[in-house]
């Protein structure tokens, strides 16, 4: 029983490590989807950089 749990934890850990290494070596910046589809962000389309700012972001 303990062997199965350790094997499962090790397998999930190896998968997470593999994904992290893939992100690091892809050399791309992480970006959010801005809640939409495609390349254009509705927040940026307004021309106001604070159009979609969260209350905690507006400082």
Foldseek 3Di string as FASTA:
>chain_A
DVVVVVVVVVVVVVVVVVVVVVVVVVPDDDDDPCPDDDDDHPCVVVVDVCSPPDPVRPD
